[in-house]
C-alpha atoms as a PDB file:
ATOM      1  CA  MET A   1      55.354 102.524  69.232  1.00  0.00           C
ATOM      2  CA  HIS A   2      53.814  99.388  67.762  1.00  0.00           C
ATOM      3  CA  SER A   3      50.610  99.042  65.859  1.00  0.00           C
ATOM      4  CA  ALA A   4      48.990  96.354  63.794  1.00  0.00           C
ATOM      5  CA  VAL A   5      46.610  96.736  60.925  1.00  0.00           C
ATOM      6  CA  GLN A   6      43.724  94.409  60.248  1.00  0.00           C
ATOM      7  CA  ALA A   7      41.085  94.465  57.549  1.00  0.00           C
ATOM      8  CA  SER A   8      38.217  96.713  58.543  1.00  0.00           C
ATOM      9  CA  PRO A   9      34.524  96.101  57.908  1.00  0.00           C
ATOM     10  CA  GLU A  10      34.599  99.463  56.132  1.00  0.00           C
ATOM     11  CA  PRO A  11      36.415  99.159  52.774  1.00  0.00           C
ATOM     12  CA  GLY A  12      39.404 101.464  52.532  1.00  0.00           C
ATOM     13  CA  ARG A  13      39.585 102.069  56.295  1.00  0.00           C
ATOM     14  CA  PRO A  14      41.971  99.707  58.117  1.00  0.00           C
ATOM     15  CA  PHE A  15      41.486  99.096  61.816  1.00  0.00           C
ATOM     16  CA  THR A  16      44.566  99.963  63.861  1.00  0.00           C
ATOM     17  CA  TYR A  17      45.134  98.447  67.284  1.00  0.00           C
ATOM     18  CA  PRO A  18      46.411 100.806  69.990  1.00  0.00           C
ATOM     19  CA  SER A  19      50.065 100.454  70.974  1.00  0.00           C
ATOM     20  CA  SER A  20      48.980  99.466  74.505  1.00  0.00           C
ATOM     21  CA  CYS A  21      47.929  96.082  73.044  1.00  0.00           C
ATOM     22  CA  PHE A  22      51.582  95.193  72.463  1.00  0.00           C
ATOM     23  CA  VAL A  23      54.114  94.308  75.142  1.00  0.00           C
ATOM     24  CA  THR A  24      57.457  92.561  75.372  1.00  0.00           C
ATOM     25  CA  GLY A  25      57.611  89.116  76.925  1.00  0.00           C
ATOM     26  CA  THR A  26      60.367  86.583  77.497  1.00  0.00           C
ATOM     27  CA  ILE A  27      60.604  83.016  76.220  1.00  0.00           C
ATOM     28  CA  HIS A  28      63.586  81.012  77.429  1.00  0.00           C
ATOM     29  CA  GLY A  29      65.528  84.233  78.063  1.00  0.00           C
ATOM     30  CA  THR A  30      64.723  85.784  74.677  1.00  0.00           C
ATOM     31  CA  SER A  31      62.629  88.975  74.451  1.00  0.00           C
ATOM     32  CA  VAL A  32      59.667  88.662  72.114  1.00  0.00           C
ATOM     33  CA  ALA A  33      56.893  91.003  71.001  1.00  0.00           C
ATOM     34  CA  CYS A  34      53.465  89.795  72.094  1.00  0.00           C
ATOM     35  CA  LEU A  35      49.951  90.871  72.969  1.00  0.00           C
ATOM     36  CA  SER A  36      49.158  92.067  76.482  1.00  0.00           C
ATOM     37  CA  THR A  37      47.242  89.654  78.712  1.00  0.00           C
ATOM     38  CA  GLU A  38      44.294  92.058  78.667  1.00  0.00           C
ATOM     39  CA  GLN A  39      44.240  92.036  74.866  1.00  0.00           C
ATOM     40  CA  GLN A  40      44.456  88.234  74.740  1.00  0.00           C
ATOM     41  CA  VAL A  41      41.450  87.973  77.061  1.00  0.00           C
ATOM     42  CA  TYR A  42      39.572  90.535  74.943  1.00  0.00           C
ATOM     43  CA  PHE A  43      40.256  88.617  71.716  1.00  0.00           C
ATOM     44  CA  HIS A  44      38.908  85.417  73.286  1.00  0.00           C
ATOM     45  CA  GLN A  45      35.516  86.983  74.085  1.00  0.00           C
ATOM     46  CA  GLY A  46      32.395  87.003  71.963  1.00  0.00           C
ATOM     47  CA  CYS A  47      32.472  83.477  70.555  1.00  0.00           C
ATOM     48  CA  GLU A  48      32.162  79.916  71.775  1.00  0.00           C
ATOM     49  CA  PRO A  49      35.642  78.957  73.069  1.00  0.00           C
ATOM     50  CA  SER A  50      37.440  75.985  71.574  1.00  0.00           C
ATOM     51  CA  GLU A  51      39.498  73.573  73.661  1.00  0.00           C
ATOM     52  CA  ARG A  52      42.597  75.581  72.702  1.00  0.00           C
ATOM     53  CA  ASP A  53      40.892  78.815  73.828  1.00  0.00           C
ATOM     54  CA  ARG A  54      40.034  77.216  77.180  1.00  0.00           C
ATOM     55  CA  HIS A  55      43.642  76.067  77.527  1.00  0.00           C
ATOM     56  CA  ASP A  56      44.971  79.547  76.683  1.00  0.00           C
ATOM     57  CA  MET A  57      42.686  81.214  79.229  1.00  0.00           C
ATOM     58  CA  ALA A  58      43.623  78.648  81.897  1.00  0.00           C
ATOM     59  CA  GLN A  59      47.294  79.454  81.304  1.00  0.00           C
ATOM     60  CA  LEU A  60      46.652  83.199  81.637  1.00  0.00           C
ATOM     61  CA  ARG A  61      44.798  82.591  84.916  1.00  0.00           C
ATOM     62  CA  ARG A  62      47.551  80.328  86.231  1.00  0.00           C
ATOM     63  CA  VAL A  63      50.551  82.420  85.211  1.00  0.00           C
ATOM     64  CA  PHE A  64      49.202  85.944  85.647  1.00  0.00           C
ATOM     65  CA  GLY A  65      46.432  85.424  88.192  1.00  0.00           C
ATOM     66  CA  ILE A  66      43.885  87.269  86.072  1.00  0.00           C
ATOM     67  CA  ALA A  67      40.166  86.653  85.658  1.00  0.00           C
ATOM     68  CA  THR A  68      39.019  85.273  82.324  1.00  0.00           C
ATOM     69  CA  HIS A  69      35.626  84.318  80.965  1.00  0.00           C
ATOM     70  CA  SER A  70      36.379  80.639  80.281  1.00  0.00           C
END
C-alpha cells in the first residue's frame, strides 16, 4: 500500500492521499511508480492550465482515451 503525505491547511494534520492514487507504469520496459490517470486529471483541475498542463492532458487523452478538461 502506497501513500503520500502533503502539508495540510490544518497545522499538525498532514493530508494523506489514498493508495488508489498510485499505480505502476512502464517506461522503456522498466516498472515505475506513478499517479493514476484519474489522479493526474484531478490535480490539473481548479486552476488556469499552463502550456505544459495542456500538453499533459493532451497526452492522457491520446494514450488512454480519457476525457480531460483542457
